[in-house]
Amino acid sequence: MTEIEAMRKRLRIKTNILDVDIEQNIQSAIAEMRRVGIAVTDLSNPLVFTCAEFYCKWLMGFEGDGEKYEKAFEKVRDALSLSGEYTNETDKQKTGGVK
């Protein structure tokens, strides 16, 4: 199952008509996570996928609760950005700050 198919399932969308929008939202979520220092390239990590899911639900106004998903996205994004496991901080510690 591709990332788009998995996200479509989470969004409860049965048709592929919105796949371009979903792909764009996924890429925007990844870019936003990178902006705050999260080392992410894809959605293979379940927490990263969930963060992107909240982003998609926010932008698509999922079930009329867009604001709820905006806050959920921000909380997960911020938590990931504070964890060395999801940032480049672990790499910096291993190399003494030199990448």
PDB file of N, CA and C in Angstrom:
ATOM      1  N   MET A   1       0.855  -1.174   0.000  1.00  0.00           N
ATOM      2  CA  MET A   1       0.000   0.000   0.000  1.00  0.00           C
ATOM      3  C   MET A   1       0.902   1.239   0.000  1.00  0.00           C
ATOM      4  N   THR A   2       0.626   2.170  -0.883  1.00  0.00           N
ATOM      5  CA  THR A   2       1.417   3.394  -0.961  1.00  0.00           C
ATOM      6  C   THR A   2       1.027   4.342   0.167  1.00  0.00           C
ATOM      7  N   GLU A   3       1.853   5.369   0.357  1.00  0.00           N
ATOM      8  CA  GLU A   3       1.545   6.384   1.371  1.00  0.00           C
ATOM      9  C   GLU A   3       0.208   7.054   1.075  1.00  0.00           C
ATOM     10  N   ILE A   4      -0.033   7.326  -0.195  1.00  0.00           N
ATOM     11  CA  ILE A   4      -1.287   7.990  -0.571  1.00  0.00           C
ATOM     12  C   ILE A   4      -2.480   7.084  -0.289  1.00  0.00           C
ATOM     13  N   GLU A   5      -2.362   5.813  -0.617  1.00  0.00           N
ATOM     14  CA  GLU A   5      -3.459   4.877  -0.348  1.00  0.00           C
ATOM     15  C   GLU A   5      -3.710   4.751   1.142  1.00  0.00           C
ATOM     16  N   ALA A   6      -2.651   4.679   1.923  1.00  0.00           N
ATOM     17  CA  ALA A   6      -2.793   4.575   3.374  1.00  0.00           C
ATOM     18  C   ALA A   6      -3.439   5.841   3.940  1.00  0.00           C
ATOM     19  N   MET A   7      -3.020   6.993   3.432  1.00  0.00           N
ATOM     20  CA  MET A   7      -3.597   8.251   3.916  1.00  0.00           C
ATOM     21  C   MET A   7      -5.054   8.359   3.495  1.00  0.00           C
ATOM     22  N   ARG A   8      -5.348   7.953   2.261  1.00  0.00           N
ATOM     23  CA  ARG A   8      -6.737   7.978   1.782  1.00  0.00           C
ATOM     24  C   ARG A   8      -7.624   7.147   2.704  1.00  0.00           C
ATOM     25  N   LYS A   9      -7.112   6.000   3.142  1.00  0.00           N
ATOM     26  CA  LYS A   9      -7.864   5.129   4.048  1.00  0.00           C
ATOM     27  C   LYS A   9      -8.112   5.825   5.383  1.00  0.00           C
ATOM     28  N   ARG A  10      -7.078   6.500   5.912  1.00  0.00           N
ATOM     29  CA  ARG A  10      -7.225   7.226   7.187  1.00  0.00           C
ATOM     30  C   ARG A  10      -8.211   8.383   7.060  1.00  0.00           C
ATOM     31  N   LEU A  11      -8.275   8.968   5.863  1.00  0.00           N
ATOM     32  CA  LEU A  11      -9.190  10.088   5.620  1.00  0.00           C
ATOM     33  C   LEU A  11     -10.594   9.605   5.238  1.00  0.00           C
ATOM     34  N   ARG A  12     -10.729   8.286   5.144  1.00  0.00           N
ATOM     35  CA  ARG A  12     -12.014   7.654   4.780  1.00  0.00           C
ATOM     36  C   ARG A  12     -12.500   8.099   3.401  1.00  0.00           C
ATOM     37  N   ILE A  13     -11.546   8.191   2.476  1.00  0.00           N
ATOM     38  CA  ILE A  13     -11.854   8.554   1.098  1.00  0.00           C
ATOM     39  C   ILE A  13     -11.719   7.297   0.254  1.00  0.00           C
ATOM     40  N   LYS A  14     -12.773   6.957  -0.470  1.00  0.00           N
ATOM     41  CA  LYS A  14     -12.776   5.709  -1.241  1.00  0.00           C
ATOM     42  C   LYS A  14     -12.317   5.877  -2.682  1.00  0.00           C
ATOM     43  N   THR A  15     -12.344   7.075  -3.188  1.00  0.00           N
ATOM     44  CA  THR A  15     -11.964   7.322  -4.573  1.00  0.00           C
ATOM     45  C   THR A  15     -10.568   7.940  -4.631  1.00  0.00           C
ATOM     46  N   ASN A  16      -9.934   7.818  -5.779  1.00  0.00           N
ATOM     47  CA  ASN A  16      -8.597   8.392  -5.928  1.00  0.00           C
ATOM     48  C   ASN A  16      -8.632   9.810  -6.521  1.00  0.00           C
ATOM     49  N   ILE A  17      -9.794  10.392  -6.600  1.00  0.00           N
ATOM     50  CA  ILE A  17      -9.945  11.704  -7.224  1.00  0.00           C
ATOM     51  C   ILE A  17      -9.178  12.813  -6.480  1.00  0.00           C
ATOM     52  N   LEU A  18      -8.943  12.631  -5.184  1.00  0.00           N
ATOM     53  CA  LEU A  18      -8.228  13.641  -4.401  1.00  0.00           C
ATOM     54  C   LEU A  18      -6.760  13.284  -4.159  1.00  0.00           C
ATOM     55  N   ASP A  19      -6.249  12.307  -4.874  1.00  0.00           N
ATOM     56  CA  ASP A  19      -4.872  11.853  -4.644  1.00  0.00           C
ATOM     57  C   ASP A  19      -3.836  12.959  -4.832  1.00  0.00           C
ATOM     58  N   VAL A  20      -4.043  13.834  -5.795  1.00  0.00           N
ATOM     59  CA  VAL A  20      -3.090  14.935  -6.009  1.00  0.00           C
ATOM     60  C   VAL A  20      -3.079  15.852  -4.787  1.00  0.00           C
ATOM     61  N   ASP A  21      -4.256  16.162  -4.262  1.00  0.00           N
ATOM     62  CA  ASP A  21      -4.347  17.001  -3.062  1.00  0.00           C
ATOM     63  C   ASP A  21      -3.721  16.306  -1.855  1.00  0.00           C
ATOM     64  N   ILE A  22      -3.992  15.025  -1.723  1.00  0.00           N
ATOM     65  CA  ILE A  22      -3.432  14.265  -0.603  1.00  0.00           C
ATOM     66  C   ILE A  22      -1.908  14.241  -0.687  1.00  0.00           C
ATOM     67  N   GLU A  23      -1.368  13.982  -1.877  1.00  0.00           N
ATOM     68  CA  GLU A  23       0.086  13.964  -2.067  1.00  0.00           C
ATOM     69  C   GLU A  23       0.692  15.324  -1.729  1.00  0.00           C
ATOM     70  N   GLN A  24       0.062  16.387  -2.180  1.00  0.00           N
ATOM     71  CA  GLN A  24       0.555  17.743  -1.888  1.00  0.00           C
ATOM     72  C   GLN A  24       0.529  18.004  -0.387  1.00  0.00           C
ATOM     73  N   ASN A  25      -0.539  17.597   0.278  1.00  0.00           N
ATOM     74  CA  ASN A  25      -0.634  17.791   1.727  1.00  0.00           C
ATOM     75  C   ASN A  25       0.419  16.979   2.473  1.00  0.00           C
ATOM     76  N   ILE A  26       0.684  15.766   2.018  1.00  0.00           N
ATOM     77  CA  ILE A  26       1.722  14.943   2.628  1.00  0.00           C
ATOM     78  C   ILE A  26       3.080  15.634   2.492  1.00  0.00           C
ATOM     79  N   GLN A  27       3.378  16.117   1.293  1.00  0.00           N
ATOM     80  CA  GLN A  27       4.657  16.795   1.072  1.00  0.00           C
ATOM     81  C   GLN A  27       4.756  18.080   1.897  1.00  0.00           C
ATOM     82  N   SER A  28       3.660  18.791   2.036  1.00  0.00           N
ATOM     83  CA  SER A  28       3.646  19.998   2.866  1.00  0.00           C
ATOM     84  C   SER A  28       3.863  19.661   4.337  1.00  0.00           C
ATOM     85  N   ALA A  29       3.248  18.580   4.799  1.00  0.00           N
ATOM     86  CA  ALA A  29       3.438  18.143   6.188  1.00  0.00           C
ATOM     87  C   ALA A  29       4.894  17.784   6.430  1.00  0.00           C
ATOM     88  N   ILE A  30       5.497  17.061   5.502  1.00  0.00           N
ATOM     89  CA  ILE A  30       6.914  16.691   5.628  1.00  0.00           C
ATOM     90  C   ILE A  30       7.773  17.949   5.656  1.00  0.00           C
ATOM     91  N   ALA A  31       7.492  18.903   4.785  1.00  0.00           N
ATOM     92  CA  ALA A  31       8.255  20.158   4.752  1.00  0.00           C
ATOM     93  C   ALA A  31       8.114  20.923   6.066  1.00  0.00           C
ATOM     94  N   GLU A  32       6.921  20.945   6.609  1.00  0.00           N
ATOM     95  CA  GLU A  32       6.687  21.630   7.888  1.00  0.00           C
ATOM     96  C   GLU A  32       7.437  20.933   9.019  1.00  0.00           C
ATOM     97  N   MET A  33       7.461  19.609   9.009  1.00  0.00           N
ATOM     98  CA  MET A  33       8.210  18.883  10.032  1.00  0.00           C
ATOM     99  C   MET A  33       9.705  19.162   9.897  1.00  0.00           C
ATOM    100  N   ARG A  34      10.194  19.183   8.674  1.00  0.00           N
ATOM    101  CA  ARG A  34      11.614  19.500   8.456  1.00  0.00           C
ATOM    102  C   ARG A  34      11.942  20.906   8.920  1.00  0.00           C
ATOM    103  N   ARG A  35      11.019  21.832   8.719  1.00  0.00           N
ATOM    104  CA  ARG A  35      11.234  23.232   9.096  1.00  0.00           C
ATOM    105  C   ARG A  35      11.560  23.371  10.575  1.00  0.00           C
ATOM    106  N   VAL A  36      10.981  22.508  11.410  1.00  0.00           N
ATOM    107  CA  VAL A  36      11.229  22.587  12.857  1.00  0.00           C
ATOM    108  C   VAL A  36      12.312  21.611  13.309  1.00  0.00           C
ATOM    109  N   GLY A  37      13.027  21.007  12.350  1.00  0.00           N
ATOM    110  CA  GLY A  37      14.180  20.190  12.697  1.00  0.00           C
ATOM    111  C   GLY A  37      13.962  18.699  12.747  1.00  0.00           C
ATOM    112  N   ILE A  38      12.810  18.220  12.345  1.00  0.00           N
ATOM    113  CA  ILE A  38      12.552  16.784  12.342  1.00  0.00           C
ATOM    114  C   ILE A  38      13.170  16.189  11.082  1.00  0.00           C
ATOM    115  N   ALA A  39      13.990  15.179  11.268  1.00  0.00           N
ATOM    116  CA  ALA A  39      14.662  14.524  10.141  1.00  0.00           C
ATOM    117  C   ALA A  39      13.701  13.495   9.552  1.00  0.00           C
ATOM    118  N   VAL A  40      12.945  13.903   8.551  1.00  0.00           N
ATOM    119  CA  VAL A  40      11.947  13.024   7.944  1.00  0.00           C
ATOM    120  C   VAL A  40      12.052  13.108   6.427  1.00  0.00           C
ATOM    121  N   THR A  41      11.969  11.945   5.801  1.00  0.00           N
ATOM    122  CA  THR A  41      11.970  11.899   4.338  1.00  0.00           C
ATOM    123  C   THR A  41      10.728  11.197   3.805  1.00  0.00           C
ATOM    124  N   ASP A  42      10.121  10.362   4.641  1.00  0.00           N
ATOM    125  CA  ASP A  42       8.910   9.651   4.230  1.00  0.00           C
ATOM    126  C   ASP A  42       8.042   9.404   5.450  1.00  0.00           C
ATOM    127  N   LEU A  43       6.987   8.659   5.259  1.00  0.00           N
ATOM    128  CA  LEU A  43       6.025   8.419   6.338  1.00  0.00           C
ATOM    129  C   LEU A  43       6.137   7.010   6.920  1.00  0.00           C
ATOM    130  N   SER A  44       7.297   6.382   6.814  1.00  0.00           N
ATOM    131  CA  SER A  44       7.436   5.001   7.273  1.00  0.00           C
ATOM    132  C   SER A  44       7.333   4.864   8.792  1.00  0.00           C
ATOM    133  N   ASN A  45       7.642   5.919   9.540  1.00  0.00           N
ATOM    134  CA  ASN A  45       7.513   5.883  10.992  1.00  0.00           C
ATOM    135  C   ASN A  45       6.061   6.176  11.366  1.00  0.00           C
ATOM    136  N   PRO A  46       5.455   5.350  12.227  1.00  0.00           N
ATOM    137  CA  PRO A  46       4.033   5.552  12.575  1.00  0.00           C
ATOM    138  C   PRO A  46       3.725   6.918  13.187  1.00  0.00           C
ATOM    139  N   LEU A  47       4.616   7.463  14.020  1.00  0.00           N
ATOM    140  CA  LEU A  47       4.359   8.783  14.595  1.00  0.00           C
ATOM    141  C   LEU A  47       4.421   9.880  13.538  1.00  0.00           C
ATOM    142  N   VAL A  48       5.353   9.756  12.621  1.00  0.00           N
ATOM    143  CA  VAL A  48       5.460  10.721  11.531  1.00  0.00           C
ATOM    144  C   VAL A  48       4.225  10.628  10.636  1.00  0.00           C
ATOM    145  N   PHE A  49       3.773   9.400  10.374  1.00  0.00           N
ATOM    146  CA  PHE A  49       2.573   9.211   9.555  1.00  0.00           C
ATOM    147  C   PHE A  49       1.368   9.864  10.233  1.00  0.00           C
ATOM    148  N   THR A  50       1.236   9.642  11.541  1.00  0.00           N
ATOM    149  CA  THR A  50       0.111  10.223  12.275  1.00  0.00           C
ATOM    150  C   THR A  50       0.170  11.735  12.259  1.00  0.00           C
ATOM    151  N   CYS A  51       1.366  12.289  12.387  1.00  0.00           N
ATOM    152  CA  CYS A  51       1.524  13.744  12.312  1.00  0.00           C
ATOM    153  C   CYS A  51       1.049  14.250  10.950  1.00  0.00           C
ATOM    154  N   ALA A  52       1.462  13.585   9.882  1.00  0.00           N
ATOM    155  CA  ALA A  52       1.023  13.961   8.537  1.00  0.00           C
ATOM    156  C   ALA A  52      -0.483  13.766   8.372  1.00  0.00           C
ATOM    157  N   GLU A  53      -1.012  12.721   8.983  1.00  0.00           N
ATOM    158  CA  GLU A  53      -2.465  12.486   8.938  1.00  0.00           C
ATOM    159  C   GLU A  53      -3.213  13.667   9.556  1.00  0.00           C
ATOM    160  N   PHE A  54      -2.764  14.124  10.730  1.00  0.00           N
ATOM    161  CA  PHE A  54      -3.411  15.268  11.370  1.00  0.00           C
ATOM    162  C   PHE A  54      -3.323  16.512  10.483  1.00  0.00           C
ATOM    163  N   TYR A  55      -2.190  16.678   9.802  1.00  0.00           N
ATOM    164  CA  TYR A  55      -2.011  17.815   8.897  1.00  0.00           C
ATOM    165  C   TYR A  55      -3.038  17.734   7.760  1.00  0.00           C
ATOM    166  N   CYS A  56      -3.161  16.566   7.158  1.00  0.00           N
ATOM    167  CA  CYS A  56      -4.130  16.382   6.058  1.00  0.00           C
ATOM    168  C   CYS A  56      -5.556  16.615   6.535  1.00  0.00           C
ATOM    169  N   LYS A  57      -5.885  16.069   7.708  1.00  0.00           N
ATOM    170  CA  LYS A  57      -7.241  16.239   8.240  1.00  0.00           C
ATOM    171  C   LYS A  57      -7.513  17.706   8.547  1.00  0.00           C
ATOM    172  N   TRP A  58      -6.506  18.411   9.023  1.00  0.00           N
ATOM    173  CA  TRP A  58      -6.641  19.844   9.301  1.00  0.00           C
ATOM    174  C   TRP A  58      -6.956  20.602   8.017  1.00  0.00           C
ATOM    175  N   LEU A  59      -6.133  20.402   6.989  1.00  0.00           N
ATOM    176  CA  LEU A  59      -6.313  21.167   5.757  1.00  0.00           C
ATOM    177  C   LEU A  59      -7.579  20.784   5.004  1.00  0.00           C
ATOM    178  N   MET A  60      -8.020  19.549   5.183  1.00  0.00           N
ATOM    179  CA  MET A  60      -9.222  19.108   4.473  1.00  0.00           C
ATOM    180  C   MET A  60     -10.487  19.320   5.313  1.00  0.00           C
ATOM    181  N   GLY A  61     -10.339  19.889   6.504  1.00  0.00           N
ATOM    182  CA  GLY A  61     -11.505  20.145   7.357  1.00  0.00           C
ATOM    183  C   GLY A  61     -12.242  18.872   7.709  1.00  0.00           C
ATOM    184  N   PHE A  62     -11.496  17.829   8.015  1.00  0.00           N
ATOM    185  CA  PHE A  62     -12.049  16.499   8.253  1.00  0.00           C
ATOM    186  C   PHE A  62     -13.180  16.535   9.270  1.00  0.00           C
ATOM    187  N   GLU A  63     -14.346  16.085   8.865  1.00  0.00           N
ATOM    188  CA  GLU A  63     -15.553  16.005   9.687  1.00  0.00           C
ATOM    189  C   GLU A  63     -15.871  17.320  10.392  1.00  0.00           C
ATOM    190  N   GLY A  64     -15.486  18.439   9.762  1.00  0.00           N
ATOM    191  CA  GLY A  64     -15.777  19.754  10.321  1.00  0.00           C
ATOM    192  C   GLY A  64     -14.934  20.122  11.533  1.00  0.00           C
ATOM    193  N   ASP A  65     -13.897  19.336  11.813  1.00  0.00           N
ATOM    194  CA  ASP A  65     -13.053  19.549  12.988  1.00  0.00           C
ATOM    195  C   ASP A  65     -11.629  19.966  12.625  1.00  0.00           C
ATOM    196  N   GLY A  66     -11.481  20.809  11.623  1.00  0.00           N
ATOM    197  CA  GLY A  66     -10.156  21.223  11.174  1.00  0.00           C
ATOM    198  C   GLY A  66      -9.290  21.789  12.284  1.00  0.00           C
ATOM    199  N   GLU A  67      -9.863  22.633  13.132  1.00  0.00           N
ATOM    200  CA  GLU A  67      -9.089  23.251  14.206  1.00  0.00           C
ATOM    201  C   GLU A  67      -8.572  22.213  15.205  1.00  0.00           C
ATOM    202  N   LYS A  68      -9.365  21.210  15.468  1.00  0.00           N
ATOM    203  CA  LYS A  68      -8.935  20.140  16.380  1.00  0.00           C
ATOM    204  C   LYS A  68      -7.708  19.427  15.815  1.00  0.00           C
ATOM    205  N   TYR A  69      -7.712  19.184  14.528  1.00  0.00           N
ATOM    206  CA  TYR A  69      -6.586  18.495  13.898  1.00  0.00           C
ATOM    207  C   TYR A  69      -5.371  19.407  13.741  1.00  0.00           C
ATOM    208  N   GLU A  70      -5.605  20.703  13.604  1.00  0.00           N
ATOM    209  CA  GLU A  70      -4.481  21.650  13.576  1.00  0.00           C
ATOM    210  C   GLU A  70      -3.717  21.577  14.901  1.00  0.00           C
ATOM    211  N   LYS A  71      -4.445  21.606  15.995  1.00  0.00           N
ATOM    212  CA  LYS A  71      -3.812  21.537  17.316  1.00  0.00           C
ATOM    213  C   LYS A  71      -3.128  20.199  17.526  1.00  0.00           C
ATOM    214  N   ALA A  72      -3.763  19.128  17.073  1.00  0.00           N
ATOM    215  CA  ALA A  72      -3.163  17.796  17.211  1.00  0.00           C
ATOM    216  C   ALA A  72      -1.868  17.714  16.407  1.00  0.00           C
ATOM    217  N   PHE A  73      -1.891  18.245  15.179  1.00  0.00           N
ATOM    218  CA  PHE A  73      -0.680  18.269  14.354  1.00  0.00           C
ATOM    219  C   PHE A  73       0.428  19.026  15.062  1.00  0.00           C
ATOM    220  N   GLU A  74       0.119  20.213  15.561  1.00  0.00           N
ATOM    221  CA  GLU A  74       1.133  21.037  16.208  1.00  0.00           C
ATOM    222  C   GLU A  74       1.723  20.350  17.442  1.00  0.00           C
ATOM    223  N   LYS A  75       0.894  19.674  18.204  1.00  0.00           N
ATOM    224  CA  LYS A  75       1.386  18.976  19.409  1.00  0.00           C
ATOM    225  C   LYS A  75       2.325  17.836  19.041  1.00  0.00           C
ATOM    226  N   VAL A  76       1.936  17.032  18.071  1.00  0.00           N
ATOM    227  CA  VAL A  76       2.784  15.909  17.670  1.00  0.00           C
ATOM    228  C   VAL A  76       4.062  16.426  17.022  1.00  0.00           C
ATOM    229  N   ARG A  77       3.936  17.412  16.134  1.00  0.00           N
ATOM    230  CA  ARG A  77       5.109  18.005  15.482  1.00  0.00           C
ATOM    231  C   ARG A  77       6.092  18.537  16.516  1.00  0.00           C
ATOM    232  N   ASP A  78       5.584  19.282  17.491  1.00  0.00           N
ATOM    233  CA  ASP A  78       6.454  19.868  18.507  1.00  0.00           C
ATOM    234  C   ASP A  78       7.094  18.799  19.377  1.00  0.00           C
ATOM    235  N   ALA A  79       6.344  17.754  19.705  1.00  0.00           N
ATOM    236  CA  ALA A  79       6.909  16.661  20.508  1.00  0.00           C
ATOM    237  C   ALA A  79       8.020  15.949  19.737  1.00  0.00           C
ATOM    238  N   LEU A  80       7.800  15.704  18.462  1.00  0.00           N
ATOM    239  CA  LEU A  80       8.833  15.059  17.640  1.00  0.00           C
ATOM    240  C   LEU A  80      10.068  15.939  17.533  1.00  0.00           C
ATOM    241  N   SER A  81       9.861  17.243  17.430  1.00  0.00           N
ATOM    242  CA  SER A  81      11.002  18.153  17.272  1.00  0.00           C
ATOM    243  C   SER A  81      11.847  18.238  18.535  1.00  0.00           C
ATOM    244  N   LEU A  82      11.274  17.884  19.666  1.00  0.00           N
ATOM    245  CA  LEU A  82      12.018  17.915  20.930  1.00  0.00           C
ATOM    246  C   LEU A  82      12.723  16.601  21.232  1.00  0.00           C
ATOM    247  N   SER A  83      12.461  15.603  20.436  1.00  0.00           N
ATOM    248  CA  SER A  83      13.052  14.288  20.653  1.00  0.00           C
ATOM    249  C   SER A  83      14.279  14.111  19.770  1.00  0.00           C
ATOM    250  N   GLY A  84      15.401  13.803  20.383  1.00  0.00           N
ATOM    251  CA  GLY A  84      16.620  13.564  19.621  1.00  0.00           C
ATOM    252  C   GLY A  84      16.484  12.411  18.644  1.00  0.00           C
ATOM    253  N   GLU A  85      15.565  11.509  18.918  1.00  0.00           N
ATOM    254  CA  GLU A  85      15.358  10.354  18.042  1.00  0.00           C
ATOM    255  C   GLU A  85      14.825  10.766  16.672  1.00  0.00           C
ATOM    256  N   TYR A  86      14.106  11.889  16.613  1.00  0.00           N
ATOM    257  CA  TYR A  86      13.477  12.325  15.367  1.00  0.00           C
ATOM    258  C   TYR A  86      14.158  13.536  14.742  1.00  0.00           C
ATOM    259  N   THR A  87      15.232  13.989  15.363  1.00  0.00           N
ATOM    260  CA  THR A  87      15.954  15.145  14.830  1.00  0.00           C
ATOM    261  C   THR A  87      17.372  14.729  14.483  1.00  0.00           C
ATOM    262  N   ASN A  88      18.130  15.660  14.004  1.00  0.00           N
ATOM    263  CA  ASN A  88      19.523  15.395  13.688  1.00  0.00           C
ATOM    264  C   ASN A  88      20.410  15.482  14.917  1.00  0.00           C
ATOM    265  N   GLU A  89      19.836  15.747  16.087  1.00  0.00           N
ATOM    266  CA  GLU A  89      20.613  15.881  17.317  1.00  0.00           C
ATOM    267  C   GLU A  89      21.387  14.603  17.639  1.00  0.00           C
ATOM    268  N   THR A  90      20.786  13.453  17.393  1.00  0.00           N
ATOM    269  CA  THR A  90      21.463  12.184  17.658  1.00  0.00           C
ATOM    270  C   THR A  90      22.723  12.087  16.815  1.00  0.00           C
ATOM    271  N   ASP A  91      22.642  12.471  15.539  1.00  0.00           N
ATOM    272  CA  ASP A  91      23.804  12.452  14.661  1.00  0.00           C
ATOM    273  C   ASP A  91      24.876  13.422  15.149  1.00  0.00           C
ATOM    274  N   LYS A  92      24.458  14.609  15.620  1.00  0.00           N
ATOM    275  CA  LYS A  92      25.408  15.602  16.097  1.00  0.00           C
ATOM    276  C   LYS A  92      26.150  15.091  17.333  1.00  0.00           C
ATOM    277  N   GLN A  93      25.413  14.391  18.224  1.00  0.00           N
ATOM    278  CA  GLN A  93      26.051  13.855  19.428  1.00  0.00           C
ATOM    279  C   GLN A  93      27.079  12.782  19.072  1.00  0.00           C
ATOM    280  N   LYS A  94      26.756  11.970  18.104  1.00  0.00           N
ATOM    281  CA  LYS A  94      27.676  10.894  17.705  1.00  0.00           C
ATOM    282  C   LYS A  94      28.946  11.435  17.067  1.00  0.00           C
ATOM    283  N   THR A  95      28.833  12.565  16.368  1.00  0.00           N
ATOM    284  CA  THR A  95      29.997  13.100  15.639  1.00  0.00           C
ATOM    285  C   THR A  95      30.611  14.296  16.358  1.00  0.00           C
ATOM    286  N   GLY A  96      30.164  14.591  17.559  1.00  0.00           N
ATOM    287  CA  GLY A  96      30.711  15.735  18.276  1.00  0.00           C
ATOM    288  C   GLY A  96      30.294  17.064  17.700  1.00  0.00           C
ATOM    289  N   GLY A  97      29.120  17.114  17.082  1.00  0.00           N
ATOM    290  CA  GLY A  97      28.599  18.357  16.512  1.00  0.00           C
ATOM    291  C   GLY A  97      28.979  18.567  15.059  1.00  0.00           C
ATOM    292  N   VAL A  98      29.819  17.692  14.521  1.00  0.00           N
ATOM    293  CA  VAL A  98      30.244  17.812  13.119  1.00  0.00           C
ATOM    294  C   VAL A  98      29.470  16.800  12.296  1.00  0.00           C
ATOM    295  N   LYS A  99      28.870  17.264  11.237  1.00  0.00           N
ATOM    296  CA  LYS A  99      28.112  16.351  10.361  1.00  0.00           C
ATOM    297  C   LYS A  99      28.845  16.048   9.125  1.00  0.00           C
TER     298      LYS A  99
END
